[in-house]
Protein backbone atom coordinates (compact mmCIF):
# COMPACT_ATOMS: atom_id res chain seq x y z
CA UNK A 1 0.00 0.00 0.00
CA UNK A 2 1.51 3.30 -1.07
CA UNK A 3 1.39 6.60 0.85
CA UNK A 4 -1.70 7.85 -1.01
CA UNK A 5 -3.66 4.69 -0.21
CA UNK A 6 -2.58 4.84 3.43
CA UNK A 7 -3.66 8.45 3.64
CA UNK A 8 -7.04 7.64 2.07
CA UNK A 9 -7.50 4.72 4.49
CA UNK A 10 -6.75 6.91 7.50
CA UNK A 11 -9.08 9.64 6.21
CA UNK A 12 -11.86 7.14 5.58
CA UNK A 13 -11.49 5.47 8.99
CA UNK A 14 -11.17 8.82 10.73
CA UNK A 15 -14.38 10.19 9.21
CA UNK A 16 -16.29 6.97 9.86
CA UNK A 17 -15.09 6.66 13.48
CA UNK A 18 -15.90 10.31 14.21
CA UNK A 19 -19.42 10.18 12.78
CA UNK A 20 -20.22 6.87 14.49
CA UNK A 21 -18.86 8.16 17.82
CA UNK A 22 -21.07 11.24 17.58
CA UNK A 23 -24.13 9.17 16.74
CA UNK A 24 -23.51 6.83 19.68
CA UNK A 25 -22.72 9.69 22.06
CA UNK A 26 -26.02 11.42 21.33
CA UNK A 27 -28.29 8.37 21.06
CA UNK A 28 -27.23 5.85 23.72
CA UNK A 29 -29.23 5.79 26.96
CA UNK A 30 -30.44 3.23 29.48
CA UNK A 31 -33.06 1.89 27.06
CA UNK A 32 -30.34 1.33 24.46
CA UNK A 33 -28.40 -0.93 26.84
CA UNK A 34 -31.56 -2.86 27.68
CA UNK A 35 -32.33 -3.34 23.99
CA UNK A 36 -28.80 -4.55 23.33
CA UNK A 37 -29.09 -7.14 26.11
CA UNK A 38 -32.17 -8.57 24.40
CA UNK A 39 -30.76 -8.29 20.85
CA UNK A 40 -30.80 -11.48 18.78
CA UNK A 41 -27.16 -12.41 18.14
CA UNK A 42 -28.16 -15.11 15.66
CA UNK A 43 -29.93 -12.59 13.45
CA UNK A 44 -26.86 -10.34 13.55
CA UNK A 45 -24.73 -13.30 12.46
CA UNK A 46 -27.33 -14.07 9.77
CA UNK A 47 -26.94 -10.53 8.44
CA UNK A 48 -23.15 -11.02 8.30
CA UNK A 49 -23.62 -14.35 6.51
CA UNK A 50 -25.95 -12.67 4.00
CA UNK A 51 -23.22 -10.13 3.23
CA UNK A 52 -20.76 -12.96 2.60
CA UNK A 53 -23.34 -14.56 0.29
CA UNK A 54 -23.52 -11.22 -1.59
CA UNK A 55 -19.76 -11.42 -2.12
CA UNK A 56 -20.34 -14.93 -3.47
CA UNK A 57 -22.97 -13.61 -5.91
CA UNK A 58 -20.46 -11.00 -7.08
CA UNK A 59 -17.78 -13.66 -7.56
CA UNK A 60 -20.20 -15.82 -9.57
CA UNK A 61 -21.10 -12.82 -11.70
CA UNK A 62 -17.46 -12.28 -12.64
CA UNK A 63 -16.82 -15.99 -13.17
CA UNK A 64 -19.84 -16.55 -15.43
CA UNK A 65 -19.42 -13.30 -17.38
CA UNK A 66 -15.82 -14.32 -18.10
CA UNK A 67 -17.03 -17.78 -19.09
CA UNK A 68 -19.44 -16.22 -21.58
CA UNK A 69 -16.37 -14.73 -23.30
CA UNK A 70 -14.66 -18.12 -23.35
CA UNK A 71 -12.42 -17.87 -20.27
CA UNK A 72 -12.40 -20.03 -17.15
CA UNK A 73 -11.83 -18.17 -13.89
CA UNK A 74 -11.80 -20.37 -10.75
CA UNK A 75 -14.52 -19.44 -8.25
CA UNK A 76 -12.11 -19.12 -5.31
CA UNK A 77 -9.91 -16.82 -7.37
CA UNK A 78 -12.95 -14.75 -8.28
CA UNK A 79 -14.09 -14.65 -4.63
CA UNK A 80 -10.64 -13.54 -3.46
CA UNK A 81 -10.40 -10.80 -6.09
CA UNK A 82 -13.81 -9.43 -5.03
CA UNK A 83 -12.68 -9.28 -1.39
CA UNK A 84 -9.41 -7.59 -2.35
CA UNK A 85 -11.33 -5.21 -4.60
CA UNK A 86 -13.49 -4.19 -1.64
CA UNK A 87 -10.46 -3.16 0.39
CA UNK A 88 -9.42 -0.47 -2.11
CA UNK A 89 -13.05 0.35 -2.91
CA UNK A 90 -13.56 1.14 0.79
CA UNK A 91 -10.92 3.87 0.73
CA UNK A 92 -11.60 5.53 -2.63
CA UNK A 93 -14.43 7.88 -3.66
CA UNK A 94 -17.32 6.12 -5.44
CA UNK A 95 -15.43 2.84 -4.84
CA UNK A 96 -13.46 3.32 -8.08
CA UNK A 97 -10.26 1.93 -6.55
CA UNK A 98 -11.52 -1.62 -6.87
CA UNK A 99 -11.71 -1.73 -10.66
CA UNK A 100 -7.93 -1.96 -11.33
CA UNK A 101 -7.70 -4.81 -8.81
CA UNK A 102 -10.45 -6.79 -10.54
CA UNK A 103 -8.90 -6.22 -13.98
CA UNK A 104 -5.42 -7.20 -12.74
CA UNK A 105 -6.66 -10.40 -11.11
CA UNK A 106 -8.68 -11.37 -14.18
CA UNK A 107 -5.54 -10.92 -16.28
CA UNK A 108 -3.75 -13.21 -13.84
CA UNK A 109 -6.43 -15.80 -14.60
CA UNK A 110 -5.48 -15.63 -18.32
CA UNK A 111 -8.21 -13.19 -19.37
CA UNK A 112 -6.82 -10.63 -21.88
CA UNK A 113 -6.68 -7.04 -20.62
CA UNK A 114 -9.33 -5.79 -23.05
CA UNK A 115 -11.79 -8.57 -22.15
CA UNK A 116 -11.09 -8.16 -18.43
CA UNK A 117 -11.76 -4.43 -18.77
CA UNK A 118 -15.01 -5.14 -20.62
CA UNK A 119 -16.17 -7.51 -17.87
CA UNK A 120 -15.40 -4.99 -15.12
CA UNK A 121 -17.01 -2.07 -16.94
CA UNK A 122 -20.12 -4.12 -17.75
CA UNK A 123 -20.34 -4.96 -14.04
CA UNK A 124 -20.57 -1.25 -13.33
CA UNK A 125 -23.14 -0.85 -16.09
CA UNK A 126 -25.30 -3.66 -14.67
CA UNK A 127 -25.05 -2.10 -11.20
CA UNK A 128 -26.05 1.26 -12.65
CA UNK A 129 -29.03 -0.21 -14.56
CA UNK A 130 -30.38 -2.17 -11.58
CA UNK A 131 -29.87 0.66 -9.07
CA UNK A 132 -31.16 3.36 -11.41
CA UNK A 133 -34.35 1.42 -12.12
CA UNK A 134 -34.71 0.79 -8.40
CA UNK A 135 -34.11 4.47 -7.59
CA UNK A 136 -36.69 5.65 -10.11
CA UNK A 137 -39.28 3.19 -8.79
CA UNK A 138 -38.46 4.25 -5.22
CA UNK A 139 -38.84 7.95 -5.97
CA UNK A 140 -42.16 7.36 -7.71
CA UNK A 141 -43.48 5.25 -4.83
CA UNK A 142 -42.33 7.76 -2.21
CA UNK A 143 -44.14 10.50 -4.12
CA UNK A 144 -47.32 8.43 -4.44
CA UNK A 145 -47.47 7.17 -0.86
CA UNK A 146 -45.75 8.26 2.36
CA UNK A 147 -45.89 4.79 3.97
CA UNK A 148 -47.22 6.55 7.05
CA UNK A 149 -44.13 8.77 7.50
CA UNK A 150 -43.03 12.19 6.31
CA UNK A 151 -39.72 12.29 4.45
CA UNK A 152 -37.87 15.64 4.68
CA UNK A 153 -37.53 17.62 1.45
CA UNK A 154 -33.72 17.74 1.62
CA UNK A 155 -33.55 13.91 1.56
CA UNK A 156 -35.72 13.75 -1.53
CA UNK A 157 -33.68 16.52 -3.18
CA UNK A 158 -30.43 14.64 -2.47
CA UNK A 159 -31.96 11.46 -3.85
CA UNK A 160 -33.10 13.23 -7.04
CA UNK A 161 -29.66 14.82 -7.51
CA UNK A 162 -27.78 11.53 -7.01
CA UNK A 163 -30.12 9.69 -9.37
CA UNK A 164 -29.63 12.41 -12.00
CA UNK A 165 -25.82 12.13 -11.73
CA UNK A 166 -26.07 8.36 -11.97
CA UNK A 167 -28.33 8.61 -15.00
CA UNK A 168 -25.99 11.10 -16.72
CA UNK A 169 -22.98 8.78 -16.30
CA UNK A 170 -24.97 5.87 -17.69
CA UNK A 171 -26.05 7.93 -20.71
CA UNK A 172 -22.43 8.97 -21.39
CA UNK A 173 -21.35 5.33 -21.32
CA UNK A 174 -24.15 4.32 -23.72
CA UNK A 175 -23.13 7.12 -26.13
CA UNK A 176 -19.50 5.98 -26.16
CA UNK A 177 -20.54 2.33 -26.43
CA UNK A 178 -22.73 3.02 -29.48
CA UNK A 179 -20.20 5.33 -31.16
CA UNK A 180 -16.81 3.56 -31.20
CA UNK A 181 -15.34 6.25 -33.47
CA UNK A 182 -16.03 8.88 -30.84
CA UNK A 183 -14.65 6.67 -28.07
CA UNK A 184 -11.47 5.96 -29.99
CA UNK A 185 -11.02 9.65 -30.77
CA UNK A 186 -11.31 10.57 -27.08
CA UNK A 187 -8.83 7.83 -26.07
CA UNK A 188 -6.44 8.92 -28.83
CA UNK A 189 -6.51 12.55 -27.71
CA UNK A 190 -6.08 11.56 -24.08
CA UNK A 191 -3.08 9.38 -25.00
CA UNK A 192 -1.56 12.21 -27.01
CA UNK A 193 -1.98 14.59 -24.07
CA UNK A 194 -0.37 12.26 -21.49
CA UNK A 195 2.39 11.10 -23.82
CA UNK A 196 3.24 14.49 -25.29
CA UNK A 197 6.61 14.61 -23.49
CA UNK A 198 7.70 11.22 -24.87
CA UNK A 199 9.70 10.85 -28.08
CA UNK A 200 7.66 10.28 -31.24
CA UNK A 201 8.70 6.62 -31.69
CA UNK A 202 7.68 5.64 -28.18
CA UNK A 203 4.50 7.70 -28.40
CA UNK A 204 3.45 5.93 -31.58
CA UNK A 205 4.21 2.50 -30.12
CA UNK A 206 2.17 3.14 -26.98
CA UNK A 207 -0.66 4.71 -28.96
CA UNK A 208 -0.79 1.72 -31.33
CA UNK A 209 -0.90 -0.71 -28.39
CA UNK A 210 -3.58 1.35 -26.69
CA UNK A 211 -5.67 1.55 -29.86
CA UNK A 212 -5.44 -2.22 -30.25
CA UNK A 213 -6.69 -2.69 -26.68
CA UNK A 214 -9.54 -0.25 -27.34
CA UNK A 215 -10.53 -2.24 -30.43
CA UNK A 216 -10.52 -5.47 -28.40
CA UNK A 217 -12.54 -3.72 -25.70
CA UNK A 218 -15.22 -2.63 -28.16
CA UNK A 219 -15.28 -6.14 -29.60
CA UNK A 220 -15.91 -7.61 -26.12
CA UNK A 221 -18.44 -4.88 -25.35
CA UNK A 222 -20.28 -5.64 -28.57
CA UNK A 223 -20.27 -9.30 -27.59
CA UNK A 224 -22.00 -8.51 -24.28
CA UNK A 225 -24.44 -6.10 -25.88
CA UNK A 226 -25.19 -8.33 -28.85
CA UNK A 227 -24.13 -11.95 -29.24
CA UNK A 228 -23.59 -12.88 -25.59
CA UNK A 229 -27.13 -12.81 -24.30
CA UNK A 230 -26.05 -15.40 -21.77
CA UNK A 231 -23.35 -13.12 -20.33
CA UNK A 232 -25.69 -10.15 -20.20
CA UNK A 233 -28.51 -12.15 -18.60
CA UNK A 234 -26.15 -13.68 -16.02
CA UNK A 235 -24.68 -10.28 -15.24
CA UNK A 236 -28.06 -8.65 -14.66
CA UNK A 237 -29.42 -11.67 -12.77
CA UNK A 238 -26.59 -11.87 -10.24
CA UNK A 239 -26.48 -8.07 -9.96
CA UNK A 240 -30.14 -8.10 -8.92
CA UNK A 241 -29.53 -10.98 -6.47
CA UNK A 242 -26.54 -9.18 -4.96
CA UNK A 243 -28.36 -5.91 -4.28
CA UNK A 244 -31.63 -7.48 -3.14
CA UNK A 245 -29.69 -9.59 -0.64
CA UNK A 246 -27.75 -6.55 0.63
CA UNK A 247 -30.94 -4.56 1.10
CA UNK A 248 -32.88 -7.33 2.86
CA UNK A 249 -29.91 -7.62 5.24
CA UNK A 250 -30.93 -4.26 6.74
CA UNK A 251 -34.38 -5.57 7.69
CA UNK A 252 -32.70 -8.53 9.39
CA UNK A 253 -30.67 -6.10 11.51
CA UNK A 254 -33.86 -4.25 12.45
CA UNK A 255 -35.41 -7.52 13.62
CA UNK A 256 -32.23 -8.35 15.54
CA UNK A 257 -32.79 -5.18 17.59
CA UNK A 258 -36.42 -6.12 18.22
CA UNK A 259 -37.84 -3.62 15.70
CA UNK A 260 -40.29 -3.94 12.83
CA UNK A 261 -38.46 -5.03 9.64
CA UNK A 262 -40.23 -2.53 7.34
CA UNK A 263 -39.17 -4.64 4.35
CA UNK A 264 -40.63 -2.43 1.61
CA UNK A 265 -39.63 0.91 3.12
CA UNK A 266 -36.13 -0.31 4.10
CA UNK A 267 -35.65 -1.59 0.57
CA UNK A 268 -36.58 1.79 -0.90
CA UNK A 269 -34.34 3.64 1.56
CA UNK A 270 -31.35 1.41 0.80
CA UNK A 271 -31.69 1.89 -2.96
CA UNK A 272 -31.60 5.67 -2.54
CA UNK A 273 -28.72 5.50 -0.01
CA UNK A 274 -26.68 3.28 -2.35
CA UNK A 275 -27.22 5.66 -5.28
CA UNK A 276 -26.12 8.58 -3.07
CA UNK A 277 -22.96 6.67 -2.09
CA UNK A 278 -22.06 6.18 -5.76
CA UNK A 279 -21.48 9.93 -6.09
CA UNK A 280 -17.74 10.51 -5.34
CA UNK A 281 -17.70 12.63 -2.19
CA UNK A 282 -15.50 10.94 0.45
CA UNK A 283 -13.19 7.87 0.47
CA UNK A 284 -15.38 4.79 0.73
CA UNK A 285 -18.40 7.00 1.32
CA UNK A 286 -17.23 7.44 4.93
CA UNK A 287 -19.40 9.89 6.80
CA UNK A 288 -21.84 10.13 3.90
CA UNK A 289 -22.92 6.51 4.45
CA UNK A 290 -23.48 6.98 8.18
CA UNK A 291 -25.30 10.31 7.81
CA UNK A 292 -27.48 9.05 4.93
CA UNK A 293 -28.32 5.86 6.81
CA UNK A 294 -29.18 7.77 9.98
CA UNK A 295 -31.13 10.41 8.06
CA UNK A 296 -33.45 7.97 6.31
CA UNK A 297 -33.80 5.35 9.05
CA UNK A 298 -34.36 7.93 11.81
CA UNK A 299 -37.87 7.99 10.37
CA UNK A 300 -38.53 4.38 11.46
CA UNK A 301 -35.83 3.58 14.09
CA UNK A 302 -36.15 4.96 17.66
CA UNK A 303 -33.51 7.58 18.49
CA UNK A 304 -31.98 5.49 21.30
CA UNK A 305 -31.27 2.62 18.86
CA UNK A 306 -30.31 4.62 15.77
CA UNK A 307 -26.58 4.87 16.56
CA UNK A 308 -26.32 1.15 17.37
CA UNK A 309 -28.25 0.24 14.22
CA UNK A 310 -25.95 2.32 11.99
CA UNK A 311 -22.88 0.91 13.78
CA UNK A 312 -23.97 -2.71 13.18
CA UNK A 313 -24.64 -1.99 9.52
CA UNK A 314 -21.24 -0.34 9.02
CA UNK A 315 -19.46 -3.16 10.88
CA UNK A 316 -20.86 -5.63 8.36
CA UNK A 317 -20.80 -3.56 5.17
CA UNK A 318 -17.64 -1.50 5.69
CA UNK A 319 -15.34 -2.79 8.43
CA UNK A 320 -15.81 -6.44 7.49
CA UNK A 321 -14.91 -5.49 3.90
CA UNK A 322 -11.72 -3.80 5.12
CA UNK A 323 -10.70 -6.83 7.21
CA UNK A 324 -11.51 -9.49 4.59
CA UNK A 325 -10.09 -7.31 1.81
CA UNK A 326 -6.84 -6.84 3.72
CA UNK A 327 -6.46 -10.62 4.12
CA UNK A 328 -7.23 -11.19 0.43
CA UNK A 329 -4.73 -8.52 -0.58
CA UNK A 330 -2.06 -10.25 1.53
CA UNK A 331 -2.84 -13.51 -0.29
CA UNK A 332 -2.32 -11.77 -3.63
CA UNK A 333 0.90 -10.12 -2.48
CA UNK A 334 2.20 -13.45 -1.19
CA UNK A 335 1.43 -15.04 -4.55
CA UNK A 336 3.17 -12.22 -6.38
CA UNK A 337 6.18 -12.53 -4.09
CA UNK A 338 6.48 -16.17 -5.03
CA UNK A 339 5.98 -15.20 -8.68
CA UNK A 340 3.18 -17.70 -9.13
CA UNK A 341 0.19 -17.43 -11.40
CA UNK A 342 -3.29 -18.73 -10.72
CA UNK A 343 -3.70 -22.38 -11.61
CA UNK A 344 -6.40 -22.61 -14.28
């Protein structure tokens, strides 16, 4: 881990610790301690297990999407790369730090760089499609019915803004995907800008290699968007399973604290919170995640349990990712130190 990554990790942890401490300091009372004594530990462990299952869904998504392109990626390798990806994703804005890890590990499993890039980008596209559809449905439902609660205007405004940003990014991707000439022109100009200080021979060699990778990328992208209906279906299917499982997890935590699960409302809240977290604001969404979670769920969770509820959720979704991702990263570094490749 370089200095920048260490600094981002410390910033992310610092923000998260501070916000959680403030929530706990202002919400814990005698009733909180009594509720914790009667909390269902098995349901908390079930929520953790559900998060691990979500990681498994993600690993299967990568494995089967790669298979649709003709490459075999072992499931354990895919599972490990997802965990390692989550470590860097937890300390970078909008979780973008995980993409290079996934591409690198797919390359180690004998998937060409262009195809690996296509798989990883299509993962993001599938996430965007599922979450954007969910966000739009959520916003419509929350405007039609209040579910017996009153949602503050600033929360709805933030949700609309985040959904609009998400939609704009998705539209930009679709434009570039449908117009390869435009995409290649942008990549070519970007390469010229970053390589302008290099000598002409080296600049041409790098540009030619980059253009070849871009061509392969568009070929793989066209495969997903055209011929490979299997890969597209699998990607969308496991994306939906992943997010549904992650959102139901929240209702399990509510039940663990002896509260009503509010399945429908919790589901809608989590879609909007996830879309908000996709907007690059802080490393790993630290602070933003806690505040958004507390802001929405304060409408259905008693004040004396709100801090504990947010803490449990972050322990599973964020701190578990850091711990498991750190272990997975060590496994990768150990493999690299021994100069071994994945056995396929």
